[in-house]
C-alpha atoms as a PDB file:
ATOM      1  CA  UNK A   1     -49.687 -30.076  -1.536  1.00  0.00           C
ATOM      2  CA  UNK A   2     -50.709 -33.823  -1.200  1.00  0.00           C
ATOM      3  CA  UNK A   3     -53.193 -34.428  -4.027  1.00  0.00           C
ATOM      4  CA  UNK A   4     -56.719 -36.162  -3.018  1.00  0.00           C
ATOM      5  CA  UNK A   5     -55.559 -39.433  -4.882  1.00  0.00           C
ATOM      6  CA  UNK A   6     -52.369 -39.691  -2.637  1.00  0.00           C
ATOM      7  CA  UNK A   7     -54.541 -38.907   0.396  1.00  0.00           C
ATOM      8  CA  UNK A   8     -56.930 -41.582  -0.233  1.00  0.00           C
ATOM      9  CA  UNK A   9     -54.160 -43.968  -0.975  1.00  0.00           C
ATOM     10  CA  UNK A  10     -52.114 -43.435   2.420  1.00  0.00           C
ATOM     11  CA  UNK A  11     -55.606 -43.623   4.163  1.00  0.00           C
ATOM     12  CA  UNK A  12     -55.585 -46.828   6.117  1.00  0.00           C
ATOM     13  CA  UNK A  13     -59.209 -47.822   5.235  1.00  0.00           C
ATOM     14  CA  UNK A  14     -58.279 -47.136   1.606  1.00  0.00           C
ATOM     15  CA  UNK A  15     -55.290 -49.660   1.843  1.00  0.00           C
ATOM     16  CA  UNK A  16     -57.754 -52.431   2.284  1.00  0.00           C
ATOM     17  CA  UNK A  17     -59.454 -51.942  -0.960  1.00  0.00           C
ATOM     18  CA  UNK A  18     -57.935 -54.399  -3.590  1.00  0.00           C
ATOM     19  CA  UNK A  19     -57.700 -51.479  -6.033  1.00  0.00           C
ATOM     20  CA  UNK A  20     -55.584 -49.588  -3.947  1.00  0.00           C
ATOM     21  CA  UNK A  21     -52.357 -51.621  -4.003  1.00  0.00           C
ATOM     22  CA  UNK A  22     -51.776 -51.118  -7.896  1.00  0.00           C
ATOM     23  CA  UNK A  23     -52.100 -47.577  -7.461  1.00  0.00           C
ATOM     24  CA  UNK A  24     -49.720 -47.259  -4.716  1.00  0.00           C
ATOM     25  CA  UNK A  25     -47.272 -49.285  -6.635  1.00  0.00           C
ATOM     26  CA  UNK A  26     -47.472 -46.928  -9.722  1.00  0.00           C
ATOM     27  CA  UNK A  27     -47.080 -43.810  -7.286  1.00  0.00           C
ATOM     28  CA  UNK A  28     -43.945 -45.364  -5.910  1.00  0.00           C
ATOM     29  CA  UNK A  29     -42.722 -45.942  -9.256  1.00  0.00           C
ATOM     30  CA  UNK A  30     -43.221 -42.390 -10.297  1.00  0.00           C
ATOM     31  CA  UNK A  31     -41.762 -41.077  -7.092  1.00  0.00           C
ATOM     32  CA  UNK A  32     -38.611 -43.384  -7.465  1.00  0.00           C
ATOM     33  CA  UNK A  33     -38.111 -42.270 -11.203  1.00  0.00           C
ATOM     34  CA  UNK A  34     -38.120 -38.582 -10.185  1.00  0.00           C
ATOM     35  CA  UNK A  35     -35.706 -39.112  -7.294  1.00  0.00           C
ATOM     36  CA  UNK A  36     -33.474 -41.179  -9.602  1.00  0.00           C
ATOM     37  CA  UNK A  37     -33.485 -38.717 -12.458  1.00  0.00           C
ATOM     38  CA  UNK A  38     -32.700 -35.591  -9.944  1.00  0.00           C
ATOM     39  CA  UNK A  39     -29.591 -37.785  -8.427  1.00  0.00           C
ATOM     40  CA  UNK A  40     -28.346 -38.325 -11.949  1.00  0.00           C
ATOM     41  CA  UNK A  41     -28.424 -34.543 -12.908  1.00  0.00           C
ATOM     42  CA  UNK A  42     -26.864 -33.419  -9.509  1.00  0.00           C
ATOM     43  CA  UNK A  43     -23.869 -35.988 -10.297  1.00  0.00           C
ATOM     44  CA  UNK A  44     -23.177 -34.530 -13.785  1.00  0.00           C
ATOM     45  CA  UNK A  45     -19.997 -32.409 -14.036  1.00  0.00           C
ATOM     46  CA  UNK A  46     -19.074 -29.554 -16.096  1.00  0.00           C
ATOM     47  CA  UNK A  47     -18.370 -29.858 -19.722  1.00  0.00           C
ATOM     48  CA  UNK A  48     -14.897 -28.648 -21.035  1.00  0.00           C
ATOM     49  CA  UNK A  49     -16.548 -25.858 -23.053  1.00  0.00           C
ATOM     50  CA  UNK A  50     -17.943 -24.637 -19.565  1.00  0.00           C
ATOM     51  CA  UNK A  51     -14.636 -24.811 -18.047  1.00  0.00           C
ATOM     52  CA  UNK A  52     -13.056 -22.960 -20.701  1.00  0.00           C
ATOM     53  CA  UNK A  53     -15.721 -20.097 -20.619  1.00  0.00           C
ATOM     54  CA  UNK A  54     -15.117 -19.666 -16.716  1.00  0.00           C
ATOM     55  CA  UNK A  55     -11.152 -19.725 -17.235  1.00  0.00           C
ATOM     56  CA  UNK A  56     -11.577 -16.704 -20.177  1.00  0.00           C
ATOM     57  CA  UNK A  57     -13.689 -14.977 -17.935  1.00  0.00           C
ATOM     58  CA  UNK A  58     -11.397 -14.778 -14.952  1.00  0.00           C
ATOM     59  CA  UNK A  59      -8.452 -14.143 -17.030  1.00  0.00           C
ATOM     60  CA  UNK A  60     -10.451 -10.973 -18.640  1.00  0.00           C
ATOM     61  CA  UNK A  61     -11.407  -9.907 -15.038  1.00  0.00           C
ATOM     62  CA  UNK A  62      -7.807 -10.186 -13.831  1.00  0.00           C
ATOM     63  CA  UNK A  63      -6.391  -8.277 -16.735  1.00  0.00           C
ATOM     64  CA  UNK A  64      -8.906  -5.661 -16.151  1.00  0.00           C
ATOM     65  CA  UNK A  65      -8.192  -5.251 -12.287  1.00  0.00           C
ATOM     66  CA  UNK A  66      -4.416  -5.790 -12.018  1.00  0.00           C
ATOM     67  CA  UNK A  67      -3.407  -2.345 -13.155  1.00  0.00           C
ATOM     68  CA  UNK A  68      -5.767  -0.725 -10.803  1.00  0.00           C
ATOM     69  CA  UNK A  69      -4.591  -3.013  -8.107  1.00  0.00           C
ATOM     70  CA  UNK A  70      -0.873  -2.412  -8.849  1.00  0.00           C
ATOM     71  CA  UNK A  71      -1.490   1.402  -8.862  1.00  0.00           C
ATOM     72  CA  UNK A  72      -3.257   1.097  -5.355  1.00  0.00           C
ATOM     73  CA  UNK A  73      -0.155  -0.835  -3.865  1.00  0.00           C
ATOM     74  CA  UNK A  74       2.495   1.625  -5.363  1.00  0.00           C
ATOM     75  CA  UNK A  75       0.409   4.434  -3.738  1.00  0.00           C
ATOM     76  CA  UNK A  76       0.339   2.600  -0.493  1.00  0.00           C
ATOM     77  CA  UNK A  77       4.127   2.003  -0.561  1.00  0.00           C
ATOM     78  CA  UNK A  78       4.684   5.741  -1.242  1.00  0.00           C
ATOM     79  CA  UNK A  79       2.338   6.843   1.566  1.00  0.00           C
ATOM     80  CA  UNK A  80       3.917   4.780   3.939  1.00  0.00           C
ATOM     81  CA  UNK A  81       7.552   5.844   3.315  1.00  0.00           C
ATOM     82  CA  UNK A  82       6.234   9.351   3.265  1.00  0.00           C
ATOM     83  CA  UNK A  83       4.766   8.874   6.826  1.00  0.00           C
ATOM     84  CA  UNK A  84       8.145   7.457   7.834  1.00  0.00           C
ATOM     85  CA  UNK A  85       9.901  10.729   6.711  1.00  0.00           C
ATOM     86  CA  UNK A  86       7.227  12.763   8.477  1.00  0.00           C
ATOM     87  CA  UNK A  87       7.697  10.641  11.987  1.00  0.00           C
ATOM     88  CA  UNK A  88      11.518  10.771  11.635  1.00  0.00           C
ATOM     89  CA  UNK A  89      11.478  14.598  11.363  1.00  0.00           C
ATOM     90  CA  UNK A  90       9.112  15.026  14.386  1.00  0.00           C
ATOM     91  CA  UNK A  91      11.399  12.712  16.276  1.00  0.00           C
ATOM     92  CA  UNK A  92      14.421  14.748  15.477  1.00  0.00           C
ATOM     93  CA  UNK A  93      12.522  18.109  16.654  1.00  0.00           C
ATOM     94  CA  UNK A  94      11.329  16.313  19.773  1.00  0.00           C
ATOM     95  CA  UNK A  95      14.824  15.184  20.647  1.00  0.00           C
ATOM     96  CA  UNK A  96      16.548  18.355  20.105  1.00  0.00           C
ATOM     97  CA  UNK A  97      13.876  19.967  22.760  1.00  0.00           C
ATOM     98  CA  UNK A  98      14.359  17.164  25.121  1.00  0.00           C
ATOM     99  CA  UNK A  99      18.316  17.095  25.065  1.00  0.00           C
ATOM    100  CA  UNK A 100      18.503  20.673  24.725  1.00  0.00           C
ATOM    101  CA  UNK A 101      21.035  20.503  21.903  1.00  0.00           C
ATOM    102  CA  UNK A 102      20.971  20.675  18.048  1.00  0.00           C
ATOM    103  CA  UNK A 103      19.649  17.565  16.640  1.00  0.00           C
ATOM    104  CA  UNK A 104      19.574  16.345  12.873  1.00  0.00           C
ATOM    105  CA  UNK A 105      17.570  13.878  10.757  1.00  0.00           C
ATOM    106  CA  UNK A 106      19.365  12.566   7.708  1.00  0.00           C
ATOM    107  CA  UNK A 107      18.260  10.963   4.291  1.00  0.00           C
ATOM    108  CA  UNK A 108      19.924   9.110   1.691  1.00  0.00           C
ATOM    109  CA  UNK A 109      19.241   6.495  -0.959  1.00  0.00           C
ATOM    110  CA  UNK A 110      22.264   4.972  -2.354  1.00  0.00           C
ATOM    111  CA  UNK A 111      22.487   3.128  -5.760  1.00  0.00           C
ATOM    112  CA  UNK A 112      20.184  -0.170  -5.814  1.00  0.00           C
ATOM    113  CA  UNK A 113      19.037   0.340  -2.319  1.00  0.00           C
ATOM    114  CA  UNK A 114      15.938   1.868  -0.549  1.00  0.00           C
ATOM    115  CA  UNK A 115      15.692   5.005   0.993  1.00  0.00           C
ATOM    116  CA  UNK A 116      17.359   5.249   4.571  1.00  0.00           C
ATOM    117  CA  UNK A 117      17.288   7.549   7.645  1.00  0.00           C
ATOM    118  CA  UNK A 118      19.253   8.228  10.472  1.00  0.00           C
ATOM    119  CA  UNK A 119      18.712  10.566  13.745  1.00  0.00           C
ATOM    120  CA  UNK A 120      21.815  11.842  15.170  1.00  0.00           C
ATOM    121  CA  UNK A 121      23.218  14.826  17.431  1.00  0.00           C
ATOM    122  CA  UNK A 122      24.173  17.632  14.947  1.00  0.00           C
ATOM    123  CA  UNK A 123      27.934  17.443  16.261  1.00  0.00           C
ATOM    124  CA  UNK A 124      28.127  14.023  14.643  1.00  0.00           C
ATOM    125  CA  UNK A 125      28.410  14.091  10.725  1.00  0.00           C
ATOM    126  CA  UNK A 126      25.794  12.090   8.968  1.00  0.00           C
ATOM    127  CA  UNK A 127      28.509  10.670   6.718  1.00  0.00           C
ATOM    128  CA  UNK A 128      30.116   9.133   9.700  1.00  0.00           C
ATOM    129  CA  UNK A 129      26.936   7.163  10.869  1.00  0.00           C
ATOM    130  CA  UNK A 130      26.632   3.464  10.250  1.00  0.00           C
ATOM    131  CA  UNK A 131      23.330   2.844  11.855  1.00  0.00           C
ATOM    132  CA  UNK A 132      20.904   3.840   9.102  1.00  0.00           C
ATOM    133  CA  UNK A 133      17.175   2.551   9.077  1.00  0.00           C
ATOM    134  CA  UNK A 134      15.505   1.545   6.214  1.00  0.00           C
ATOM    135  CA  UNK A 135      12.268   3.736   5.687  1.00  0.00           C
ATOM    136  CA  UNK A 136       9.132   1.549   5.335  1.00  0.00           C
ATOM    137  CA  UNK A 137      10.876  -1.628   6.112  1.00  0.00           C
ATOM    138  CA  UNK A 138       7.742  -3.335   7.147  1.00  0.00           C
ATOM    139  CA  UNK A 139       6.720  -3.319   3.567  1.00  0.00           C
ATOM    140  CA  UNK A 140       9.716  -4.909   2.187  1.00  0.00           C
ATOM    141  CA  UNK A 141      10.319  -2.326  -0.499  1.00  0.00           C
ATOM    142  CA  UNK A 142      12.605  -2.987  -3.422  1.00  0.00           C
ATOM    143  CA  UNK A 143      15.024  -0.500  -4.634  1.00  0.00           C
ATOM    144  CA  UNK A 144      13.230   0.132  -7.857  1.00  0.00           C
ATOM    145  CA  UNK A 145       9.855   0.737  -6.465  1.00  0.00           C
ATOM    146  CA  UNK A 146      10.247   3.918  -4.455  1.00  0.00           C
ATOM    147  CA  UNK A 147      12.509   6.862  -5.208  1.00  0.00           C
ATOM    148  CA  UNK A 148      13.643   9.746  -2.588  1.00  0.00           C
ATOM    149  CA  UNK A 149      14.295  13.172  -3.669  1.00  0.00           C
ATOM    150  CA  UNK A 150      15.192  16.562  -1.789  1.00  0.00           C
ATOM    151  CA  UNK A 151      15.796  20.098  -2.521  1.00  0.00           C
ATOM    152  CA  UNK A 152      18.385  20.053   0.741  1.00  0.00           C
ATOM    153  CA  UNK A 153      22.086  20.818  -0.327  1.00  0.00           C
ATOM    154  CA  UNK A 154      25.039  18.793   1.085  1.00  0.00           C
ATOM    155  CA  UNK A 155      25.046  21.327   3.945  1.00  0.00           C
ATOM    156  CA  UNK A 156      22.575  21.042   6.425  1.00  0.00           C
ATOM    157  CA  UNK A 157      19.461  23.441   6.242  1.00  0.00           C
ATOM    158  CA  UNK A 158      20.443  24.745   2.863  1.00  0.00           C
ATOM    159  CA  UNK A 159      17.957  24.710  -0.256  1.00  0.00           C
ATOM    160  CA  UNK A 160      19.509  24.233  -3.467  1.00  0.00           C
ATOM    161  CA  UNK A 161      16.227  25.078  -5.277  1.00  0.00           C
ATOM    162  CA  UNK A 162      16.214  22.081  -7.349  1.00  0.00           C
ATOM    163  CA  UNK A 163      15.299  18.304  -6.821  1.00  0.00           C
ATOM    164  CA  UNK A 164      18.172  15.907  -6.377  1.00  0.00           C
ATOM    165  CA  UNK A 165      16.761  12.210  -6.446  1.00  0.00           C
ATOM    166  CA  UNK A 166      18.336   8.813  -5.481  1.00  0.00           C
ATOM    167  CA  UNK A 167      21.284  10.858  -3.657  1.00  0.00           C
ATOM    168  CA  UNK A 168      24.405   8.920  -2.009  1.00  0.00           C
ATOM    169  CA  UNK A 169      25.417  11.992  -0.016  1.00  0.00           C
ATOM    170  CA  UNK A 170      23.132  12.410   3.136  1.00  0.00           C
ATOM    171  CA  UNK A 171      20.732  15.285   2.958  1.00  0.00           C
ATOM    172  CA  UNK A 172      20.560  16.820   6.515  1.00  0.00           C
ATOM    173  CA  UNK A 173      17.888  18.941   8.383  1.00  0.00           C
ATOM    174  CA  UNK A 174      18.962  20.037  11.905  1.00  0.00           C
ATOM    175  CA  UNK A 175      16.853  21.519  14.666  1.00  0.00           C
ATOM    176  CA  UNK A 176      17.976  23.569  17.766  1.00  0.00           C
ATOM    177  CA  UNK A 177      17.417  23.137  21.293  1.00  0.00           C
ATOM    178  CA  UNK A 178      14.210  25.131  20.928  1.00  0.00           C
ATOM    179  CA  UNK A 179      12.845  22.873  18.085  1.00  0.00           C
ATOM    180  CA  UNK A 180      13.430  25.334  15.402  1.00  0.00           C
ATOM    181  CA  UNK A 181      15.626  25.197  12.409  1.00  0.00           C
ATOM    182  CA  UNK A 182      19.222  25.608  13.281  1.00  0.00           C
ATOM    183  CA  UNK A 183      21.432  28.271  11.803  1.00  0.00           C
ATOM    184  CA  UNK A 184      23.498  26.809   8.822  1.00  0.00           C
ATOM    185  CA  UNK A 185      27.188  26.065   9.327  1.00  0.00           C
ATOM    186  CA  UNK A 186      28.379  29.314   8.230  1.00  0.00           C
ATOM    187  CA  UNK A 187      26.142  31.181  10.587  1.00  0.00           C
ATOM    188  CA  UNK A 188      23.402  32.320   8.300  1.00  0.00           C
ATOM    189  CA  UNK A 189      19.761  31.461   8.785  1.00  0.00           C
ATOM    190  CA  UNK A 190      18.219  28.168   7.728  1.00  0.00           C
ATOM    191  CA  UNK A 191      16.604  28.225   4.442  1.00  0.00           C
ATOM    192  CA  UNK A 192      12.737  27.884   4.679  1.00  0.00           C
ATOM    193  CA  UNK A 193      10.772  25.464   2.414  1.00  0.00           C
ATOM    194  CA  UNK A 194      13.207  22.228   3.059  1.00  0.00           C
ATOM    195  CA  UNK A 195      11.630  19.266   1.364  1.00  0.00           C
ATOM    196  CA  UNK A 196      11.854  15.659   1.166  1.00  0.00           C
ATOM    197  CA  UNK A 197       9.903  13.762  -1.635  1.00  0.00           C
ATOM    198  CA  UNK A 198       9.003  10.386  -2.227  1.00  0.00           C
ATOM    199  CA  UNK A 199       7.618   9.012  -5.527  1.00  0.00           C
ATOM    200  CA  UNK A 200       7.571   6.111  -7.921  1.00  0.00           C
ATOM    201  CA  UNK A 201      10.478   6.183 -10.488  1.00  0.00           C
ATOM    202  CA  UNK A 202       9.428   7.002 -14.099  1.00  0.00           C
ATOM    203  CA  UNK A 203       9.635   3.732 -16.313  1.00  0.00           C
ATOM    204  CA  UNK A 204      12.205   5.675 -18.854  1.00  0.00           C
ATOM    205  CA  UNK A 205      14.164   7.486 -16.337  1.00  0.00           C
ATOM    206  CA  UNK A 206      14.863   5.930 -13.064  1.00  0.00           C
ATOM    207  CA  UNK A 207      16.202   9.023 -11.527  1.00  0.00           C
ATOM    208  CA  UNK A 208      13.026  11.197 -11.731  1.00  0.00           C
ATOM    209  CA  UNK A 209       9.695  10.453 -10.052  1.00  0.00           C
ATOM    210  CA  UNK A 210       6.290  10.332 -11.828  1.00  0.00           C
ATOM    211  CA  UNK A 211       4.827  13.897 -10.703  1.00  0.00           C
ATOM    212  CA  UNK A 212       1.224  12.417  -9.957  1.00  0.00           C
ATOM    213  CA  UNK A 213       2.712   9.755  -7.373  1.00  0.00           C
ATOM    214  CA  UNK A 214       4.825  12.629  -5.509  1.00  0.00           C
ATOM    215  CA  UNK A 215       4.317  12.683  -1.706  1.00  0.00           C
ATOM    216  CA  UNK A 216       6.351  14.890   0.376  1.00  0.00           C
ATOM    217  CA  UNK A 217       7.146  16.621   3.717  1.00  0.00           C
ATOM    218  CA  UNK A 218       8.326  20.153   3.802  1.00  0.00           C
ATOM    219  CA  UNK A 219       9.786  22.390   6.655  1.00  0.00           C
ATOM    220  CA  UNK A 220       7.983  25.615   5.671  1.00  0.00           C
ATOM    221  CA  UNK A 221       9.215  28.186   8.345  1.00  0.00           C
ATOM    222  CA  UNK A 222      12.146  28.981  10.469  1.00  0.00           C
ATOM    223  CA  UNK A 223      10.101  27.943  13.617  1.00  0.00           C
ATOM    224  CA  UNK A 224      10.226  24.161  12.207  1.00  0.00           C
ATOM    225  CA  UNK A 225       6.732  23.820  11.099  1.00  0.00           C
ATOM    226  CA  UNK A 226       5.986  20.940   8.874  1.00  0.00           C
ATOM    227  CA  UNK A 227       3.512  20.244   6.308  1.00  0.00           C
ATOM    228  CA  UNK A 228       2.512  17.104   4.364  1.00  0.00           C
ATOM    229  CA  UNK A 229       1.822  17.395   0.480  1.00  0.00           C
ATOM    230  CA  UNK A 230       1.380  15.714  -2.607  1.00  0.00           C
ATOM    231  CA  UNK A 231       1.490  16.185  -6.381  1.00  0.00           C
ATOM    232  CA  UNK A 232       2.031  19.929  -7.566  1.00  0.00           C
ATOM    233  CA  UNK A 233       2.519  20.930  -3.622  1.00  0.00           C
ATOM    234  CA  UNK A 234       5.803  18.855  -3.875  1.00  0.00           C
ATOM    235  CA  UNK A 235       7.605  21.428  -6.007  1.00  0.00           C
ATOM    236  CA  UNK A 236      10.477  23.357  -4.384  1.00  0.00           C
END
């Protein structure tokens, strides 16, 4: 809002009066002083103390957020690898029905390596396969970040009722031409509840997974129905 004095000063008729000139000059000085003062204040930088306070606050917030972020990233890794296990099982089942022959999916995790998977006809032993594919390869997982476990025995479609983690010998699940679990090599029916588990290794025992991080895929019935699970659901 313009003051009455300033209105008079800006009025052309008022400018002609001799007393108006000094008033205008005084107002100009005041306005110029305010502008100069604001400009000088805006040019001032941060003090060393202010910078230190900001750095300390950022460090504290980072320390608080880092564990939560790391846990989130680990859960994402486990979930992605488990999704890869599920997809591989589904693909083996589809191939068995499409090709009208028994088809297998095999898993392994050799020492200092990431979990791997291979799809192959049942007539081809898993130990003779060279084209293994890394599970979750798009995530660039390191060997010590994810651990693969299974209750499948060395013979396909057998349940050993205990978990074996970080196994060098492939664990194989085989579907017959109908897409159901194939009979075992000895002619017996396949064991139900075949399970492949993914989790984060324990810090004090790298051959066991942290229970709360477990994710799994299980073939629950002889007809080959699959189920995703987590935590306590991943107990053979």
